[in-house]
Amino acid sequence: MNCKQFNSISLEEVLLSLGHYPTKQNEKEAWYLNPFASESQASFKLDKRINAWYLHSEGVGGNNTDFMKKYLNTSVNEILDWAQKQNFSSFHRQRQIIKSEPNYRIDEILDLQNPNLKHYLQGRGLGPKVYDYIKELRFTIGSKKLYAIGFENLSGGFELRNAFYKGSLLKKDCSLINLSSNGQGKSNIQDRDVRVIAVFEGFMDALSFIELQKSFAGDILVMNSIALLNKSVEHLKNYHHINLFLDNDTAGIKCKSEIIKSFPEAKDHSGIYSNHKDLNEFLIHRMKNNVSNKTAKQSEKFPQQDKQHVRNQEPEIKNSNGFKRKR
């Protein structure tokens, strides 16, 4: 992604991905509280027609790049690297407009078989324990045939990863995994007395949690993009105990703050991996340094299901296809 491409992305979506919401808006403009400092009256204006911003309280403005330079206080290259990882839907729509028909297709969806993908997972600190929660996707982009680990969302889309590729196919959405002992994950959450949920930004962190955890019997919500914060909040309304495992970067911290505003009783567990960007990075560090569970009892800090709820549940994770699909 270059600056021209990044500046063509909807700034409204960029702000949403960072956890900022308009206080008022119409078709032409939107007003936000100052994203760079605290204020009580909105002074940050987004002009939707030209996709530009102006901060009246400081007399500065510009395009997306100007905004992120001020927001992250970092170089343009780091901004573009950050933007490339966000999978902004407005960027994908622009690419689809350029091409009159989809340039990809899914050829096969399989249980994990490919040794290269297994080796990739091993390098991320993940073993057979997580295989039930992912798929192997074989797909074609243009004329190039590819394969990757696929993590399904509630709309039937997939997040994709391999050693050389990171992307998504079909519709973007959250993912919801049921780790209760029945493991089927097909019933609607309103039909079950599910009290506990753990929340992650990306599925590698969720799989890391499964790898590390021994006795969690609730649900896992994977946002798959901070831009899906509103959808995630709607799902979280169904739970009594919310546990947050979000990234230790600017976007993750702001997202955590927004969730805690809606659910003040939510527990932040990012301190477990405070010296790392996210939970998977923490897991990789443990693996490379041969840290055993006996010498580093980090998993004991993870949320446990309350005793009343687990009377009729096995404490260990059983075989599970893991995914809950909306009907």
C-alpha atoms as a PDB file:
ATOM      1  CA  MET A   1       0.000   0.000   0.000  1.00  0.00           C
ATOM      2  CA  ASN A   2       1.251   3.489  -0.828  1.00  0.00           C
ATOM      3  CA  CYS A   3       0.182   6.925   0.442  1.00  0.00           C
ATOM      4  CA  LYS A   4      -2.229   7.501  -2.443  1.00  0.00           C
ATOM      5  CA  GLN A   5      -4.010   4.241  -1.728  1.00  0.00           C
ATOM      6  CA  PHE A   6      -4.112   4.857   2.020  1.00  0.00           C
ATOM      7  CA  ASN A   7      -5.462   8.388   1.572  1.00  0.00           C
ATOM      8  CA  SER A   8      -8.263   7.025  -0.622  1.00  0.00           C
ATOM      9  CA  ILE A   9      -9.538   4.824   2.235  1.00  0.00           C
ATOM     10  CA  SER A  10     -12.502   6.237   4.133  1.00  0.00           C
ATOM     11  CA  LEU A  11     -11.136   8.212   7.085  1.00  0.00           C
ATOM     12  CA  GLU A  12     -14.391   7.362   8.843  1.00  0.00           C
ATOM     13  CA  GLU A  13     -13.365   3.692   8.744  1.00  0.00           C
ATOM     14  CA  VAL A  14      -9.837   4.547   9.928  1.00  0.00           C
ATOM     15  CA  LEU A  15     -11.282   6.406  12.915  1.00  0.00           C
ATOM     16  CA  LEU A  16     -13.631   3.506  13.660  1.00  0.00           C
ATOM     17  CA  SER A  17     -10.728   1.035  13.591  1.00  0.00           C
ATOM     18  CA  LEU A  18      -9.051   3.158  16.267  1.00  0.00           C
ATOM     19  CA  GLY A  19     -12.164   3.263  18.445  1.00  0.00           C
ATOM     20  CA  HIS A  20     -13.401   6.803  17.660  1.00  0.00           C
ATOM     21  CA  TYR A  21     -17.085   7.476  16.991  1.00  0.00           C
ATOM     22  CA  PRO A  22     -18.824  10.647  15.790  1.00  0.00           C
ATOM     23  CA  THR A  23     -20.838  12.686  18.248  1.00  0.00           C
ATOM     24  CA  LYS A  24     -22.980  13.906  15.349  1.00  0.00           C
ATOM     25  CA  GLN A  25     -22.971  13.433  11.589  1.00  0.00           C
ATOM     26  CA  ASN A  26     -24.889  13.763   8.340  1.00  0.00           C
ATOM     27  CA  GLU A  27     -24.235  12.779   4.740  1.00  0.00           C
ATOM     28  CA  LYS A  28     -21.608  15.499   4.262  1.00  0.00           C
ATOM     29  CA  GLU A  29     -19.674  15.627   7.524  1.00  0.00           C
ATOM     30  CA  ALA A  30     -19.059  14.077  10.939  1.00  0.00           C
ATOM     31  CA  TRP A  31     -17.850  15.585  14.212  1.00  0.00           C
ATOM     32  CA  TYR A  32     -15.638  13.781  16.747  1.00  0.00           C
ATOM     33  CA  LEU A  33     -14.067  14.552  20.086  1.00  0.00           C
ATOM     34  CA  ASN A  34     -10.396  15.401  19.651  1.00  0.00           C
ATOM     35  CA  PRO A  35      -8.610  12.047  18.977  1.00  0.00           C
ATOM     36  CA  PHE A  36      -5.305  13.529  20.155  1.00  0.00           C
ATOM     37  CA  ALA A  37      -6.385  14.984  23.511  1.00  0.00           C
ATOM     38  CA  SER A  38      -9.277  15.102  25.965  1.00  0.00           C
ATOM     39  CA  GLU A  39     -12.114  17.543  25.354  1.00  0.00           C
ATOM     40  CA  SER A  40     -15.790  17.864  26.211  1.00  0.00           C
ATOM     41  CA  GLN A  41     -17.053  19.405  22.935  1.00  0.00           C
ATOM     42  CA  ALA A  42     -16.306  17.941  19.525  1.00  0.00           C
ATOM     43  CA  SER A  43     -13.824  20.016  17.532  1.00  0.00           C
ATOM     44  CA  PHE A  44     -12.592  17.400  15.055  1.00  0.00           C
ATOM     45  CA  LYS A  45     -14.453  17.648  11.732  1.00  0.00           C
ATOM     46  CA  LEU A  46     -14.424  15.015   8.995  1.00  0.00           C
ATOM     47  CA  ASP A  47     -15.523  16.225   5.566  1.00  0.00           C
ATOM     48  CA  LYS A  48     -16.867  13.062   3.963  1.00  0.00           C
ATOM     49  CA  ARG A  49     -17.063  14.631   0.499  1.00  0.00           C
ATOM     50  CA  ILE A  50     -13.307  15.125   0.192  1.00  0.00           C
ATOM     51  CA  ASN A  51     -12.232  12.623   2.876  1.00  0.00           C
ATOM     52  CA  ALA A  52     -10.282  15.228   4.835  1.00  0.00           C
ATOM     53  CA  TRP A  53     -10.157  16.333   8.477  1.00  0.00           C
ATOM     54  CA  TYR A  54      -9.732  19.570  10.350  1.00  0.00           C
ATOM     55  CA  LEU A  55      -9.177  19.999  14.094  1.00  0.00           C
ATOM     56  CA  HIS A  56     -10.614  23.380  15.014  1.00  0.00           C
ATOM     57  CA  SER A  57      -9.157  23.408  18.534  1.00  0.00           C
ATOM     58  CA  GLU A  58      -5.605  23.276  17.118  1.00  0.00           C
ATOM     59  CA  GLY A  59      -6.079  24.704  13.622  1.00  0.00           C
ATOM     60  CA  VAL A  60      -4.561  21.686  11.844  1.00  0.00           C
ATOM     61  CA  GLY A  61      -5.899  19.175   9.325  1.00  0.00           C
ATOM     62  CA  GLY A  62      -5.146  17.089   6.269  1.00  0.00           C
ATOM     63  CA  ASN A  63      -5.554  13.604   4.793  1.00  0.00           C
ATOM     64  CA  ASN A  64      -5.318  10.104   6.276  1.00  0.00           C
ATOM     65  CA  THR A  65      -1.522  10.103   6.304  1.00  0.00           C
ATOM     66  CA  ASP A  66      -1.415  13.469   8.071  1.00  0.00           C
ATOM     67  CA  PHE A  67      -3.852  12.154  10.660  1.00  0.00           C
ATOM     68  CA  MET A  68      -1.911   8.964  11.415  1.00  0.00           C
ATOM     69  CA  LYS A  69       1.435  10.817  11.552  1.00  0.00           C
ATOM     70  CA  LYS A  70      -0.007  12.973  14.310  1.00  0.00           C
ATOM     71  CA  TYR A  71      -1.917  10.111  15.934  1.00  0.00           C
ATOM     72  CA  LEU A  72       0.910   7.559  16.085  1.00  0.00           C
ATOM     73  CA  ASN A  73       3.844   9.997  15.999  1.00  0.00           C
ATOM     74  CA  THR A  74       5.742   7.719  13.653  1.00  0.00           C
ATOM     75  CA  SER A  75       7.147   7.498  10.113  1.00  0.00           C
ATOM     76  CA  VAL A  76       5.128   7.210   6.905  1.00  0.00           C
ATOM     77  CA  ASN A  77       6.552   3.739   6.257  1.00  0.00           C
ATOM     78  CA  GLU A  78       5.326   2.499   9.645  1.00  0.00           C
ATOM     79  CA  ILE A  79       1.927   4.074   9.008  1.00  0.00           C
ATOM     80  CA  LEU A  80       1.609   2.262   5.675  1.00  0.00           C
ATOM     81  CA  ASP A  81       2.726  -0.990   7.286  1.00  0.00           C
ATOM     82  CA  TRP A  82       0.030  -0.528   9.950  1.00  0.00           C
ATOM     83  CA  ALA A  83      -2.611   0.288   7.321  1.00  0.00           C
ATOM     84  CA  GLN A  84      -1.702  -2.769   5.232  1.00  0.00           C
ATOM     85  CA  LYS A  85      -2.469  -5.033   8.202  1.00  0.00           C
ATOM     86  CA  GLN A  86      -5.922  -3.564   8.875  1.00  0.00           C
ATOM     87  CA  ASN A  87      -7.794  -5.036   5.883  1.00  0.00           C
ATOM     88  CA  PHE A  88      -9.905  -1.900   5.468  1.00  0.00           C
ATOM     89  CA  SER A  89     -13.127  -2.823   3.706  1.00  0.00           C
ATOM     90  CA  SER A  90     -13.203   0.464   1.749  1.00  0.00           C
ATOM     91  CA  PHE A  91      -9.781  -0.386   0.295  1.00  0.00           C
ATOM     92  CA  HIS A  92     -11.022  -3.814  -0.747  1.00  0.00           C
ATOM     93  CA  ARG A  93     -14.106  -2.219  -2.360  1.00  0.00           C
ATOM     94  CA  GLN A  94     -11.877   0.085  -4.409  1.00  0.00           C
ATOM     95  CA  ARG A  95      -9.893  -2.874  -5.667  1.00  0.00           C
ATOM     96  CA  GLN A  96     -13.086  -4.713  -6.552  1.00  0.00           C
ATOM     97  CA  ILE A  97     -14.383  -1.705  -8.514  1.00  0.00           C
ATOM     98  CA  ILE A  98     -11.209  -1.668 -10.592  1.00  0.00           C
ATOM     99  CA  LYS A  99     -11.757  -5.332 -11.425  1.00  0.00           C
ATOM    100  CA  SER A 100     -15.235  -5.933 -12.813  1.00  0.00           C
ATOM    101  CA  GLU A 101     -15.406  -9.465 -11.410  1.00  0.00           C
ATOM    102  CA  PRO A 102     -13.781 -11.246  -8.467  1.00  0.00           C
ATOM    103  CA  ASN A 103     -10.245 -12.360  -9.228  1.00  0.00           C
ATOM    104  CA  TYR A 104     -10.258 -15.142  -6.641  1.00  0.00           C
ATOM    105  CA  ARG A 105     -12.027 -18.397  -5.936  1.00  0.00           C
ATOM    106  CA  ILE A 106     -11.974 -20.952  -3.132  1.00  0.00           C
ATOM    107  CA  ASP A 107     -11.059 -24.344  -4.575  1.00  0.00           C
ATOM    108  CA  GLU A 108     -11.162 -26.573  -1.461  1.00  0.00           C
ATOM    109  CA  ILE A 109     -11.834 -26.342   2.266  1.00  0.00           C
ATOM    110  CA  LEU A 110     -10.166 -29.194   4.164  1.00  0.00           C
ATOM    111  CA  ASP A 111      -9.120 -30.279   7.624  1.00  0.00           C
ATOM    112  CA  LEU A 112      -5.529 -29.230   8.204  1.00  0.00           C
ATOM    113  CA  GLN A 113      -3.192 -31.516   6.280  1.00  0.00           C
ATOM    114  CA  ASN A 114      -0.385 -29.517   4.678  1.00  0.00           C
ATOM    115  CA  PRO A 115       2.934 -30.036   6.532  1.00  0.00           C
ATOM    116  CA  ASN A 116       4.086 -26.511   5.595  1.00  0.00           C
ATOM    117  CA  LEU A 117       1.062 -25.022   7.343  1.00  0.00           C
ATOM    118  CA  LYS A 118       1.620 -27.218  10.376  1.00  0.00           C
ATOM    119  CA  HIS A 119       5.246 -26.095  10.443  1.00  0.00           C
ATOM    120  CA  TYR A 120       4.100 -22.464  10.229  1.00  0.00           C
ATOM    121  CA  LEU A 121       1.788 -22.971  13.206  1.00  0.00           C
ATOM    122  CA  GLN A 122       4.601 -24.649  15.120  1.00  0.00           C
ATOM    123  CA  GLY A 123       6.705 -21.542  14.536  1.00  0.00           C
ATOM    124  CA  ARG A 124       3.884 -19.495  16.064  1.00  0.00           C
ATOM    125  CA  GLY A 125       3.919 -21.745  19.144  1.00  0.00           C
ATOM    126  CA  LEU A 126       0.774 -23.656  18.121  1.00  0.00           C
ATOM    127  CA  GLY A 127       0.319 -27.422  17.984  1.00  0.00           C
ATOM    128  CA  PRO A 128      -2.344 -30.062  17.265  1.00  0.00           C
ATOM    129  CA  LYS A 129      -4.476 -28.768  20.123  1.00  0.00           C
ATOM    130  CA  VAL A 130      -5.720 -25.923  17.868  1.00  0.00           C
ATOM    131  CA  TYR A 131      -6.298 -27.918  14.663  1.00  0.00           C
ATOM    132  CA  ASP A 132     -10.017 -28.400  15.338  1.00  0.00           C
ATOM    133  CA  TYR A 133     -10.594 -24.639  15.164  1.00  0.00           C
ATOM    134  CA  ILE A 134      -9.062 -23.963  11.746  1.00  0.00           C
ATOM    135  CA  LYS A 135      -9.261 -25.197   8.175  1.00  0.00           C
ATOM    136  CA  GLU A 136      -6.890 -25.595   5.264  1.00  0.00           C
ATOM    137  CA  LEU A 137      -8.026 -23.447   2.343  1.00  0.00           C
ATOM    138  CA  ARG A 138      -6.831 -23.961  -1.198  1.00  0.00           C
ATOM    139  CA  PHE A 139      -7.703 -20.962  -3.338  1.00  0.00           C
ATOM    140  CA  THR A 140      -6.781 -19.139  -6.523  1.00  0.00           C
ATOM    141  CA  ILE A 141      -6.034 -15.414  -6.860  1.00  0.00           C
ATOM    142  CA  GLY A 142      -5.704 -14.390 -10.488  1.00  0.00           C
ATOM    143  CA  SER A 143      -3.783 -17.269 -12.009  1.00  0.00           C
ATOM    144  CA  LYS A 144      -1.884 -18.119  -8.836  1.00  0.00           C
ATOM    145  CA  LYS A 145      -2.876 -21.122  -6.747  1.00  0.00           C
ATOM    146  CA  LEU A 146      -2.319 -20.703  -3.011  1.00  0.00           C
ATOM    147  CA  TYR A 147      -3.021 -22.473   0.248  1.00  0.00           C
ATOM    148  CA  ALA A 148      -3.364 -21.065   3.741  1.00  0.00           C
ATOM    149  CA  ILE A 149      -4.753 -21.629   7.209  1.00  0.00           C
ATOM    150  CA  GLY A 150      -8.382 -20.513   7.198  1.00  0.00           C
ATOM    151  CA  PHE A 151     -10.262 -19.201  10.227  1.00  0.00           C
ATOM    152  CA  GLU A 152     -14.008 -18.927   9.591  1.00  0.00           C
ATOM    153  CA  ASN A 153     -16.198 -16.053  10.718  1.00  0.00           C
ATOM    154  CA  LEU A 154     -19.925 -15.878  11.432  1.00  0.00           C
ATOM    155  CA  SER A 155     -20.721 -14.816   7.852  1.00  0.00           C
ATOM    156  CA  GLY A 156     -18.853 -17.695   6.211  1.00  0.00           C
ATOM    157  CA  GLY A 157     -15.804 -15.610   5.317  1.00  0.00           C
ATOM    158  CA  PHE A 158     -12.243 -16.590   6.200  1.00  0.00           C
ATOM    159  CA  GLU A 159      -9.178 -14.975   7.684  1.00  0.00           C
ATOM    160  CA  LEU A 160      -6.135 -16.441   5.933  1.00  0.00           C
ATOM    161  CA  ARG A 161      -2.541 -16.945   7.079  1.00  0.00           C
ATOM    162  CA  ASN A 162       0.556 -18.731   5.925  1.00  0.00           C
ATOM    163  CA  ALA A 163       4.254 -17.938   6.186  1.00  0.00           C
ATOM    164  CA  PHE A 164       4.077 -15.521   3.236  1.00  0.00           C
ATOM    165  CA  TYR A 165       0.465 -14.366   3.046  1.00  0.00           C
ATOM    166  CA  LYS A 166      -2.017 -12.541   5.264  1.00  0.00           C
ATOM    167  CA  GLY A 167      -5.491 -11.661   4.021  1.00  0.00           C
ATOM    168  CA  SER A 168      -9.160 -12.576   4.016  1.00  0.00           C
ATOM    169  CA  LEU A 169     -11.760 -13.928   1.605  1.00  0.00           C
ATOM    170  CA  LEU A 170     -15.480 -13.243   1.300  1.00  0.00           C
ATOM    171  CA  LYS A 171     -17.348 -11.165   3.870  1.00  0.00           C
ATOM    172  CA  LYS A 172     -15.550  -9.731   6.904  1.00  0.00           C
ATOM    173  CA  ASP A 173     -17.128 -10.527  10.278  1.00  0.00           C
ATOM    174  CA  CYS A 174     -16.409 -11.592  13.856  1.00  0.00           C
ATOM    175  CA  SER A 175     -15.830 -15.227  14.803  1.00  0.00           C
ATOM    176  CA  LEU A 176     -17.351 -16.969  17.804  1.00  0.00           C
ATOM    177  CA  ILE A 177     -15.990 -20.229  19.240  1.00  0.00           C
ATOM    178  CA  ASN A 178     -17.664 -22.329  21.911  1.00  0.00           C
ATOM    179  CA  LEU A 179     -15.185 -24.000  24.256  1.00  0.00           C
ATOM    180  CA  SER A 180     -17.822 -25.570  26.504  1.00  0.00           C
ATOM    181  CA  SER A 181     -17.496 -29.307  26.987  1.00  0.00           C
ATOM    182  CA  ASN A 182     -20.196 -30.264  24.475  1.00  0.00           C
ATOM    183  CA  GLY A 183     -18.013 -28.501  21.916  1.00  0.00           C
ATOM    184  CA  GLN A 184     -20.487 -28.447  19.058  1.00  0.00           C
ATOM    185  CA  GLY A 185     -21.030 -24.710  19.080  1.00  0.00           C
ATOM    186  CA  LYS A 186     -24.126 -24.831  16.883  1.00  0.00           C
ATOM    187  CA  SER A 187     -26.812 -23.626  19.245  1.00  0.00           C
ATOM    188  CA  ASN A 188     -27.674 -19.963  19.547  1.00  0.00           C
ATOM    189  CA  ILE A 189     -26.041 -18.326  22.572  1.00  0.00           C
ATOM    190  CA  GLN A 190     -29.452 -17.310  23.887  1.00  0.00           C
ATOM    191  CA  ASP A 191     -30.275 -21.027  24.183  1.00  0.00           C
ATOM    192  CA  ARG A 192     -27.406 -21.751  26.570  1.00  0.00           C
ATOM    193  CA  ASP A 193     -26.326 -20.415  29.941  1.00  0.00           C
ATOM    194  CA  VAL A 194     -22.986 -19.129  28.696  1.00  0.00           C
ATOM    195  CA  ARG A 195     -21.586 -16.706  31.242  1.00  0.00           C
ATOM    196  CA  VAL A 196     -17.936 -16.228  30.296  1.00  0.00           C
ATOM    197  CA  ILE A 197     -16.240 -14.955  27.155  1.00  0.00           C
ATOM    198  CA  ALA A 198     -12.662 -14.098  26.170  1.00  0.00           C
ATOM    199  CA  VAL A 199     -12.109 -11.413  23.508  1.00  0.00           C
ATOM    200  CA  PHE A 200      -9.257 -11.211  20.991  1.00  0.00           C
ATOM    201  CA  GLU A 201      -8.429  -8.980  18.025  1.00  0.00           C
ATOM    202  CA  GLY A 202      -6.973 -11.709  15.809  1.00  0.00           C
ATOM    203  CA  PHE A 203      -7.364 -15.453  15.568  1.00  0.00           C
ATOM    204  CA  MET A 204      -3.668 -16.224  16.172  1.00  0.00           C
ATOM    205  CA  ASP A 205      -4.070 -14.736  19.643  1.00  0.00           C
ATOM    206  CA  ALA A 206      -7.249 -16.752  20.191  1.00  0.00           C
ATOM    207  CA  LEU A 207      -5.460 -19.949  19.160  1.00  0.00           C
ATOM    208  CA  SER A 208      -2.606 -19.014  21.501  1.00  0.00           C
ATOM    209  CA  PHE A 209      -5.127 -18.776  24.338  1.00  0.00           C
ATOM    210  CA  ILE A 210      -6.453 -22.243  23.487  1.00  0.00           C
ATOM    211  CA  GLU A 211      -2.888 -23.576  23.375  1.00  0.00           C
ATOM    212  CA  LEU A 212      -2.053 -22.122  26.803  1.00  0.00           C
ATOM    213  CA  GLN A 213      -5.385 -22.616  28.570  1.00  0.00           C
ATOM    214  CA  LYS A 214      -6.306 -25.841  30.318  1.00  0.00           C
ATOM    215  CA  SER A 215      -9.702 -25.295  31.906  1.00  0.00           C
ATOM    216  CA  PHE A 216     -11.603 -22.481  30.206  1.00  0.00           C
ATOM    217  CA  ALA A 217     -15.190 -23.517  29.386  1.00  0.00           C
ATOM    218  CA  GLY A 218     -16.749 -20.397  27.947  1.00  0.00           C
ATOM    219  CA  ASP A 219     -16.844 -18.725  24.543  1.00  0.00           C
ATOM    220  CA  ILE A 220     -14.168 -16.941  22.527  1.00  0.00           C
ATOM    221  CA  LEU A 221     -14.916 -13.861  20.424  1.00  0.00           C
ATOM    222  CA  VAL A 222     -12.423 -12.924  17.713  1.00  0.00           C
ATOM    223  CA  MET A 223     -13.030  -9.461  16.309  1.00  0.00           C
ATOM    224  CA  ASN A 224     -10.910 -10.077  13.155  1.00  0.00           C
ATOM    225  CA  SER A 225     -10.695  -6.287  12.796  1.00  0.00           C
ATOM    226  CA  ILE A 226     -10.982  -3.377  15.215  1.00  0.00           C
ATOM    227  CA  ALA A 227     -13.335  -1.883  12.633  1.00  0.00           C
ATOM    228  CA  LEU A 228     -15.836  -4.505  13.839  1.00  0.00           C
ATOM    229  CA  LEU A 229     -15.876  -3.116  17.373  1.00  0.00           C
ATOM    230  CA  ASN A 230     -19.590  -2.206  17.248  1.00  0.00           C
ATOM    231  CA  LYS A 231     -20.541  -5.732  16.153  1.00  0.00           C
ATOM    232  CA  SER A 232     -18.322  -7.162  18.869  1.00  0.00           C
ATOM    233  CA  VAL A 233     -19.996  -5.034  21.533  1.00  0.00           C
ATOM    234  CA  GLU A 234     -23.405  -6.357  20.437  1.00  0.00           C
ATOM    235  CA  HIS A 235     -22.196  -9.944  20.939  1.00  0.00           C
ATOM    236  CA  LEU A 236     -20.732  -9.111  24.351  1.00  0.00           C
ATOM    237  CA  LYS A 237     -24.130  -8.008  25.659  1.00  0.00           C
ATOM    238  CA  ASN A 238     -24.986 -11.709  26.013  1.00  0.00           C
ATOM    239  CA  TYR A 239     -22.276 -12.402  28.618  1.00  0.00           C
ATOM    240  CA  HIS A 240     -21.870 -11.802  32.346  1.00  0.00           C
ATOM    241  CA  HIS A 241     -18.067 -12.093  32.520  1.00  0.00           C
ATOM    242  CA  ILE A 242     -15.944 -10.487  29.798  1.00  0.00           C
ATOM    243  CA  ASN A 243     -12.185 -11.077  29.617  1.00  0.00           C
ATOM    244  CA  LEU A 244     -10.092  -8.907  27.296  1.00  0.00           C
ATOM    245  CA  PHE A 245      -6.884 -10.073  25.612  1.00  0.00           C
ATOM    246  CA  LEU A 246      -6.351  -7.184  23.190  1.00  0.00           C
ATOM    247  CA  ASP A 247      -3.083  -5.982  21.664  1.00  0.00           C
ATOM    248  CA  ASN A 248      -0.684  -3.761  23.596  1.00  0.00           C
ATOM    249  CA  ASP A 249      -0.502  -1.156  20.828  1.00  0.00           C
ATOM    250  CA  THR A 250      -2.255   2.186  20.405  1.00  0.00           C
ATOM    251  CA  ALA A 251      -5.231   0.753  18.511  1.00  0.00           C
ATOM    252  CA  GLY A 252      -5.636  -2.170  20.908  1.00  0.00           C
ATOM    253  CA  ILE A 253      -5.489   0.045  23.981  1.00  0.00           C
ATOM    254  CA  LYS A 254      -8.122   2.405  22.570  1.00  0.00           C
ATOM    255  CA  CYS A 255     -10.342  -0.543  21.624  1.00  0.00           C
ATOM    256  CA  LYS A 256     -10.015  -1.965  25.131  1.00  0.00           C
ATOM    257  CA  SER A 257     -10.970   1.412  26.563  1.00  0.00           C
ATOM    258  CA  GLU A 258     -14.133   1.564  24.431  1.00  0.00           C
ATOM    259  CA  ILE A 259     -15.230  -1.930  25.483  1.00  0.00           C
ATOM    260  CA  ILE A 260     -14.666  -1.128  29.165  1.00  0.00           C
ATOM    261  CA  LYS A 261     -16.789   2.010  28.757  1.00  0.00           C
ATOM    262  CA  SER A 262     -19.680  -0.218  27.667  1.00  0.00           C
ATOM    263  CA  PHE A 263     -18.871  -3.017  30.145  1.00  0.00           C
ATOM    264  CA  PRO A 264     -17.122  -1.565  33.232  1.00  0.00           C
ATOM    265  CA  GLU A 265     -16.841  -5.017  34.818  1.00  0.00           C
ATOM    266  CA  ALA A 266     -14.786  -6.382  31.898  1.00  0.00           C
ATOM    267  CA  LYS A 267     -11.374  -7.656  32.997  1.00  0.00           C
ATOM    268  CA  ASP A 268      -8.193  -6.672  31.167  1.00  0.00           C
ATOM    269  CA  HIS A 269      -5.636  -9.502  30.994  1.00  0.00           C
ATOM    270  CA  SER A 270      -3.051  -7.751  28.788  1.00  0.00           C
ATOM    271  CA  GLY A 271      -0.740  -7.543  31.795  1.00  0.00           C
ATOM    272  CA  ILE A 272       0.027 -11.247  31.290  1.00  0.00           C
ATOM    273  CA  TYR A 273       1.907 -10.307  28.108  1.00  0.00           C
ATOM    274  CA  SER A 274       2.766  -6.696  28.997  1.00  0.00           C
ATOM    275  CA  ASN A 275       6.256  -6.926  27.478  1.00  0.00           C
ATOM    276  CA  HIS A 276       4.880  -8.149  24.153  1.00  0.00           C
ATOM    277  CA  LYS A 277       2.613  -6.756  21.445  1.00  0.00           C
ATOM    278  CA  ASP A 278       0.063  -9.540  21.780  1.00  0.00           C
ATOM    279  CA  LEU A 279      -0.600 -12.965  23.257  1.00  0.00           C
ATOM    280  CA  ASN A 280       0.880 -14.873  20.317  1.00  0.00           C
ATOM    281  CA  GLU A 281       4.146 -12.932  20.547  1.00  0.00           C
ATOM    282  CA  PHE A 282       4.216 -13.846  24.237  1.00  0.00           C
ATOM    283  CA  LEU A 283       3.648 -17.525  23.382  1.00  0.00           C
ATOM    284  CA  ILE A 284       6.445 -17.490  20.787  1.00  0.00           C
ATOM    285  CA  HIS A 285       8.786 -15.918  23.346  1.00  0.00           C
ATOM    286  CA  ARG A 286       7.969 -18.667  25.836  1.00  0.00           C
ATOM    287  CA  MET A 287       8.535 -21.348  23.215  1.00  0.00           C
ATOM    288  CA  LYS A 288      11.902 -19.938  22.076  1.00  0.00           C
ATOM    289  CA  ASN A 289      13.097 -19.621  25.645  1.00  0.00           C
ATOM    290  CA  ASN A 290      11.847 -23.074  26.618  1.00  0.00           C
ATOM    291  CA  VAL A 291       9.727 -21.684  29.424  1.00  0.00           C
ATOM    292  CA  SER A 292       7.736 -24.497  31.053  1.00  0.00           C
ATOM    293  CA  ASN A 293       4.387 -24.201  32.760  1.00  0.00           C
ATOM    294  CA  LYS A 294       6.089 -25.114  36.034  1.00  0.00           C
ATOM    295  CA  THR A 295       8.496 -22.164  35.934  1.00  0.00           C
ATOM    296  CA  ALA A 296       6.106 -19.609  34.402  1.00  0.00           C
ATOM    297  CA  LYS A 297       2.572 -20.098  35.671  1.00  0.00           C
ATOM    298  CA  GLN A 298       1.070 -17.456  33.421  1.00  0.00           C
ATOM    299  CA  SER A 299      -1.855 -19.690  32.527  1.00  0.00           C
ATOM    300  CA  GLU A 300      -2.991 -19.524  36.159  1.00  0.00           C
ATOM    301  CA  LYS A 301      -3.780 -15.842  35.548  1.00  0.00           C
ATOM    302  CA  PHE A 302      -6.187 -16.672  32.760  1.00  0.00           C
ATOM    303  CA  PRO A 303      -9.928 -16.548  33.475  1.00  0.00           C
ATOM    304  CA  GLN A 304     -11.476 -19.672  34.902  1.00  0.00           C
ATOM    305  CA  GLN A 305     -15.148 -20.584  34.663  1.00  0.00           C
ATOM    306  CA  ASP A 306     -16.979 -19.993  37.938  1.00  0.00           C
ATOM    307  CA  LYS A 307     -17.617 -23.152  39.956  1.00  0.00           C
ATOM    308  CA  GLN A 308     -21.404 -22.896  39.850  1.00  0.00           C
ATOM    309  CA  HIS A 309     -21.379 -22.848  36.064  1.00  0.00           C
ATOM    310  CA  VAL A 310     -19.001 -25.782  35.634  1.00  0.00           C
ATOM    311  CA  ARG A 311     -20.718 -28.288  37.906  1.00  0.00           C
ATOM    312  CA  ASN A 312     -21.961 -30.227  34.919  1.00  0.00           C
ATOM    313  CA  GLN A 313     -19.028 -29.517  32.619  1.00  0.00           C
ATOM    314  CA  GLU A 314     -15.695 -31.243  32.101  1.00  0.00           C
ATOM    315  CA  PRO A 315     -12.771 -28.889  32.790  1.00  0.00           C
ATOM    316  CA  GLU A 316     -10.730 -30.008  29.792  1.00  0.00           C
ATOM    317  CA  ILE A 317     -11.394 -28.960  26.206  1.00  0.00           C
ATOM    318  CA  LYS A 318     -12.925 -31.770  24.182  1.00  0.00           C
ATOM    319  CA  ASN A 319     -12.813 -32.328  20.432  1.00  0.00           C
ATOM    320  CA  SER A 320     -14.727 -29.521  18.780  1.00  0.00           C
ATOM    321  CA  ASN A 321     -15.333 -28.051  15.385  1.00  0.00           C
ATOM    322  CA  GLY A 322     -15.593 -24.862  17.410  1.00  0.00           C
ATOM    323  CA  PHE A 323     -17.587 -22.567  15.160  1.00  0.00           C
ATOM    324  CA  LYS A 324     -21.045 -21.156  15.821  1.00  0.00           C
ATOM    325  CA  ARG A 325     -22.904 -19.991  12.789  1.00  0.00           C
ATOM    326  CA  LYS A 326     -25.892 -17.660  12.756  1.00  0.00           C
ATOM    327  CA  ARG A 327     -28.990 -19.187  11.252  1.00  0.00           C
END
